[in-house]
Amino acid sequence: MLDYAAKLTRAPGDMTEGDIARLRDCGFSDRAILDIAQVAAYYAYVNRIADGLGVSLERYWSEGKEDYD
């Protein structure tokens, strides 16, 4: 699953039916594969929007959580 999500994120144009077949061979249903693809695509979308708009991380994330405990 993680290899599929990484490939979809890094090289979406290289995805093949074989990538889906490997997930099915591991026992993932078509619904689960759809969910995996949607989550990976959503995070890619959100990150590209944030990068495209110059959104920075909140101080909480860039300085480390331990500073706020």
Protein backbone atom coordinates (compact mmCIF):
# COMPACT_ATOMS: atom_id res chain seq x y z
CA MET A 1 0.00 0.00 0.00
CA LEU A 2 2.75 2.45 0.90
CA ASP A 3 4.65 1.73 -2.32
CA TYR A 4 1.44 2.44 -4.26
CA ALA A 5 0.83 5.72 -2.39
CA ALA A 6 4.45 6.81 -2.84
CA LYS A 7 4.39 6.06 -6.57
CA LEU A 8 1.07 7.85 -7.00
CA THR A 9 2.56 10.87 -5.22
CA ARG A 10 5.93 10.94 -6.97
CA ALA A 11 5.13 9.64 -10.46
CA PRO A 12 1.37 9.62 -11.09
CA GLY A 13 1.85 9.29 -14.84
CA ASP A 14 3.68 6.00 -14.33
CA MET A 15 0.79 4.24 -12.60
CA THR A 16 -0.37 1.04 -14.31
CA GLU A 17 -3.02 -1.62 -13.86
CA GLY A 18 -0.20 -3.70 -12.38
CA ASP A 19 0.00 -1.33 -9.41
CA ILE A 20 -3.66 -1.97 -8.68
CA ALA A 21 -3.29 -5.70 -9.28
CA ARG A 22 -0.54 -5.86 -6.64
CA LEU A 23 -2.89 -4.26 -4.11
CA ARG A 24 -5.63 -6.73 -5.00
CA ASP A 25 -3.14 -9.59 -4.63
CA CYS A 26 -2.44 -8.32 -1.09
CA GLY A 27 -6.14 -8.53 -0.30
CA PHE A 28 -7.23 -4.91 -0.77
CA SER A 29 -10.76 -4.49 -2.11
CA ASP A 30 -11.57 -2.07 -4.89
CA ARG A 31 -13.14 0.22 -2.28
CA ALA A 32 -9.96 0.13 -0.18
CA ILE A 33 -7.85 0.90 -3.26
CA LEU A 34 -10.11 3.85 -4.04
CA ASP A 35 -9.69 5.08 -0.47
CA ILE A 36 -5.89 4.76 -0.68
CA ALA A 37 -5.81 6.69 -3.96
CA GLN A 38 -8.12 9.40 -2.63
CA VAL A 39 -6.10 9.94 0.55
CA ALA A 40 -2.81 10.10 -1.36
CA ALA A 41 -4.31 12.46 -3.95
CA TYR A 42 -5.87 14.66 -1.28
CA TYR A 43 -2.59 15.16 0.55
CA ALA A 44 -0.78 15.89 -2.72
CA TYR A 45 -3.47 18.43 -3.61
CA VAL A 46 -3.42 20.15 -0.23
CA ASN A 47 0.37 20.36 -0.19
CA ARG A 48 0.48 21.81 -3.70
CA ILE A 49 -2.15 24.40 -2.82
CA ALA A 50 -0.24 25.37 0.32
CA ASP A 51 3.07 25.52 -1.55
CA GLY A 52 1.51 27.45 -4.42
CA LEU A 53 0.10 30.04 -2.04
CA GLY A 54 3.25 30.30 0.05
CA VAL A 55 1.60 28.96 3.18
CA SER A 56 4.10 28.35 5.98
CA LEU A 57 3.87 25.87 8.79
CA GLU A 58 2.52 27.19 12.04
CA ARG A 59 5.17 27.88 14.64
CA TYR A 60 3.93 24.81 16.54
CA TRP A 61 5.18 22.49 13.76
CA SER A 62 8.39 24.26 12.82
CA GLU A 63 9.72 24.67 16.37
CA GLY A 64 8.69 21.28 17.69
CA LYS A 65 5.83 20.10 19.82
CA GLU A 66 7.95 19.74 22.96
CA ASP A 67 8.13 23.56 23.21
CA TYR A 68 4.37 23.67 23.83
CA ASP A 69 3.84 20.78 26.26
